Amino acid sequence: MKKLKEKWGITSNFQLVIIFIVFGITGSVSAAISGPTIEYLFGDLNINGFLKFILQLIIIMPIYQVLLLFFGFIFFQFNFFFKFVKKFMKLFGFGFLFRD
């Protein structure tokens, strides 16, 4: 845990627990809404299970990032999660959205 705290620049165990809680809530909420979102967007289309899985990933990724910032804000960890989202977006080629 000490290495993780150093890597993330976290000062206390309490902050680490809060960050894990935010990740857990965000993952659960995004998983819960991914199915209904796909159903709403594509309706009763008969699509391959693999294609449906890929579509869920593509659609849920931006939703997950927004939820991460939202729950990070609620738990007073917005700065940490903003850095995290920024790094993630740069990894996928969306770094132009952020000024350094």
Protein backbone atom coordinates (compact mmCIF):
# COMPACT_ATOMS: atom_id res chain seq x y z
CA MET A 1 0.00 0.00 0.00
CA LYS A 2 2.88 2.34 0.69
CA LYS A 3 4.08 2.17 -2.94
CA LEU A 4 0.57 2.83 -4.22
CA LYS A 5 0.20 5.83 -1.92
CA GLU A 6 3.53 7.21 -3.12
CA LYS A 7 2.67 6.61 -6.78
CA TRP A 8 -0.68 8.34 -6.47
CA GLY A 9 0.58 11.08 -4.15
CA ILE A 10 -1.80 10.14 -1.38
CA THR A 11 -1.05 11.22 2.16
CA SER A 12 -3.29 9.03 4.31
CA ASN A 13 -4.89 5.62 4.48
CA PHE A 14 -8.28 7.28 4.84
CA GLN A 15 -7.83 9.02 1.49
CA LEU A 16 -6.85 5.69 -0.08
CA VAL A 17 -10.00 4.03 1.28
CA ILE A 18 -12.15 6.87 -0.09
CA ILE A 19 -10.51 6.48 -3.51
CA PHE A 20 -11.20 2.73 -3.51
CA ILE A 21 -14.82 3.42 -2.54
CA VAL A 22 -15.19 5.88 -5.42
CA PHE A 23 -13.75 3.34 -7.88
CA GLY A 24 -16.14 0.69 -6.55
CA ILE A 25 -19.23 2.88 -6.75
CA THR A 26 -18.32 4.14 -10.21
CA GLY A 27 -17.71 0.64 -11.54
CA SER A 28 -20.98 -0.65 -10.11
CA VAL A 29 -23.06 2.23 -11.43
CA SER A 30 -21.48 2.12 -14.89
CA ALA A 31 -22.03 -1.65 -15.10
CA ALA A 32 -25.64 -1.23 -14.00
CA ILE A 33 -26.43 1.38 -16.65
CA SER A 34 -24.49 -0.13 -19.55
CA GLY A 35 -27.16 -2.72 -20.43
CA PRO A 36 -30.12 -0.33 -20.38
CA THR A 37 -28.08 2.27 -22.30
CA ILE A 38 -27.34 -0.21 -25.09
CA GLU A 39 -30.99 -1.30 -25.10
CA TYR A 40 -32.15 2.32 -25.34
CA LEU A 41 -29.70 3.24 -28.13
CA PHE A 42 -30.06 0.13 -30.26
CA GLY A 43 -33.45 -1.22 -29.28
CA ASP A 44 -34.33 -4.68 -30.50
CA LEU A 45 -31.56 -5.01 -33.04
CA ASN A 46 -30.39 -8.57 -33.37
CA ILE A 47 -26.67 -8.07 -33.01
CA ASN A 48 -23.89 -10.49 -32.32
CA GLY A 49 -22.98 -10.91 -28.63
CA PHE A 50 -19.37 -9.94 -29.32
CA LEU A 51 -20.47 -6.81 -31.21
CA LYS A 52 -22.80 -5.91 -28.36
CA PHE A 53 -19.91 -6.28 -25.90
CA ILE A 54 -17.69 -3.99 -28.02
CA LEU A 55 -20.49 -1.41 -28.29
CA GLN A 56 -20.94 -1.50 -24.52
CA LEU A 57 -17.24 -0.83 -24.01
CA ILE A 58 -17.21 2.06 -26.46
CA ILE A 59 -20.31 3.65 -24.99
CA ILE A 60 -19.56 3.07 -21.32
CA MET A 61 -15.97 4.40 -21.39
CA PRO A 62 -16.92 8.10 -21.57
CA ILE A 63 -19.81 7.54 -19.15
CA TYR A 64 -17.39 5.91 -16.69
CA GLN A 65 -15.04 8.91 -16.88
CA VAL A 66 -17.86 11.35 -16.16
CA LEU A 67 -19.14 9.21 -13.28
CA LEU A 68 -15.62 8.99 -11.87
CA LEU A 69 -15.39 12.78 -11.77
CA PHE A 70 -18.90 13.06 -10.34
CA PHE A 71 -18.34 10.62 -7.49
CA GLY A 72 -14.84 12.01 -6.94
CA PHE A 73 -16.44 15.42 -6.46
CA ILE A 74 -19.02 14.06 -4.04
CA PHE A 75 -16.29 12.39 -1.94
CA PHE A 76 -13.99 15.48 -2.07
CA GLN A 77 -11.39 13.74 -4.25
CA PHE A 78 -12.03 15.63 -7.50
CA ASN A 79 -8.43 16.71 -8.01
CA PHE A 80 -7.14 13.15 -7.76
CA PHE A 81 -9.74 11.81 -10.18
CA PHE A 82 -9.34 14.70 -12.60
CA LYS A 83 -5.65 13.81 -12.92
CA PHE A 84 -6.59 10.15 -13.30
CA VAL A 85 -9.17 10.84 -16.04
CA LYS A 86 -6.80 13.22 -17.80
CA LYS A 87 -4.09 10.55 -17.90
CA PHE A 88 -6.58 7.95 -19.15
CA MET A 89 -7.88 10.24 -21.90
CA LYS A 90 -4.36 11.02 -23.07
CA LEU A 91 -3.69 7.28 -23.27
CA PHE A 92 -6.57 6.90 -25.74
CA GLY A 93 -5.61 9.92 -27.84
CA PHE A 94 -7.94 12.50 -26.34
CA GLY A 95 -5.19 14.54 -24.70
CA PHE A 96 -6.11 17.49 -26.89
CA LEU A 97 -9.14 18.03 -24.67
CA PHE A 98 -6.89 19.10 -21.81
CA ARG A 99 -4.47 21.97 -21.66
CA ASP A 100 -1.21 21.47 -19.81
